[in-house]
Amino acid sequence: MSVAREPCELSAVDALARLRAGRLTATALMESCLARIAAREPEVHAWAHFDPQAASAQARALDTAGGDGLAHGLPFGVKDVIDTAGQPTAYGSPIYAGHQPAADAACVAMLRRAGALILGKTVTTEFATHRPGPTANPHDAAFTPGGSSSGSAAAVAACMVPLAAGTQTGGSIIRPAAYCGVVGFKPSFGTVARQGVKQVAESLDTIGGFGRNVADAALAIAALAGRPGLAAIEPATPARLLLCRSFDAAQAQPESVAALEEAAQRLGGAGITVLERELPDACRDLGAVHPRIEYYEVARALQHEYRCHGHLLSDTLRGRIEQGLATREATYLADLRNAIRCRHEVAGWIEPGDVVLTFATQGEAPRGLVSTGSAVFNRVWTLLGLPCLALPCARGPNGLPVGIQLVGAFGADARLAAHAAWVERTLAG
């Protein structure tokens, strides 16, 4: 394990321990993060907004006031589709340039309650959909960081901030985490309150977090949701590992196939039972069901923007809104019923103590910034509402990170985090 040379390089859990012990101040940690931003931001472009003076003032005030919150003194990046009082929120669109929310989103209010410091707003794609922002992969600026939580994943990977919040509608936490080589945790649907988030798909949107290891990512969710039970995860061996290649396995590139197979082999060698399992056959069509539900709901959630500011939307987003408007109500309702049936079937497919091992992405990050990559290995799990975690474990042909995805039973977020911590420790050994 590498030794942190600067406070910004500490894991969130280590930094928190030092803050509580008086061996580190929130001011020193914030200044270290701001120095790293100054060094890396001209290349990475992770931030839609940050104010160094305001960030430093937050930290000084917290040092003076003291406290013992879940994330006391930890700088946090917040995806720019999540409202923040005192900082602009533009939702990745020129329509809302300079928009200043009157209040914090519920999850931001919980972060402040936990003692976290809102360092700034991280870059998102357009309304957390598909048009990329300027963020580059911190490992190589010629490659995408993924999306739509581009800036959050890149900022954590570049040690600009220890923790960050993101959202996922298809694969917007898992994919950028895997591309940037950090841990991304999408909890069970509904775990983190969504009030104050610019939603695009009511049935799918989920708030999650990023950290540089499993314990950090669990701490992020604990602070966002106000769930202290997620803040102190101890590694726990799963009862079984379900190796699920998915119905779309043919789309996986060699580096993802190799990472998945090596992880299964090593974990099996550590004494865990590994079973090859495919999702119930009823789930076979969910990869097509997800985008139909998404576009139908996007068309309604963004109807004001489409009608009043359509010329400021990307061609891609306008096209998907129009596709959603053209979808018959009966088709949408049938898709929702199908998803509900599949959720019930999967509830019996994952037994208590199981963890699913599957692909996180097709492969390493694609070259260029015109696309944030494919969510083919994320959509189904998002539609099922299950907790998912991206764990970096390998490198691809361009030397970029490659991850695996771990999935747990609905509502078993703490158990998934504990199993993921065991997988992380075992693969690192």
Foldseek 3Di string as FASTA:
>chain_A
DDDDPALLPDALVVNLVCCVVVNDALLRNLVRLVVLCVVQCVLFVFAPDFDSVVLNVLRVVCRVVDDQFLRASFEEEEALQFADAPAARQLQFPVRVPPHDPHGFLLVVLLVVRNYGHGHHTAFHRNFDWFADCGAQSVDRQFALFARSRSQLRSQLSSSGFKYKDKDQQQHFLLSVQQNQWKKKFAFPPQADGGRGLDQFPLFITMAMIGRALLSRLSSSCSSRVPCLSNDAAADAFQAEEEEAEPVVVLADPQQVVQLVVLQVLSVVVPHHYHHDYQPPLLNCQLVLSLLSRLLRNLVSCVCCCVPPVVRDDPVNNVSSVVNVPDDPVSNVVSLVSLVVSLVRVLVVADPRYKYKYFSFSWHTDGHRRTSHDSSVGRSLSSSRWMKMWHWQDADPVRTTGTIMITHRRPPSSSSSNNRNNSNVSSVD
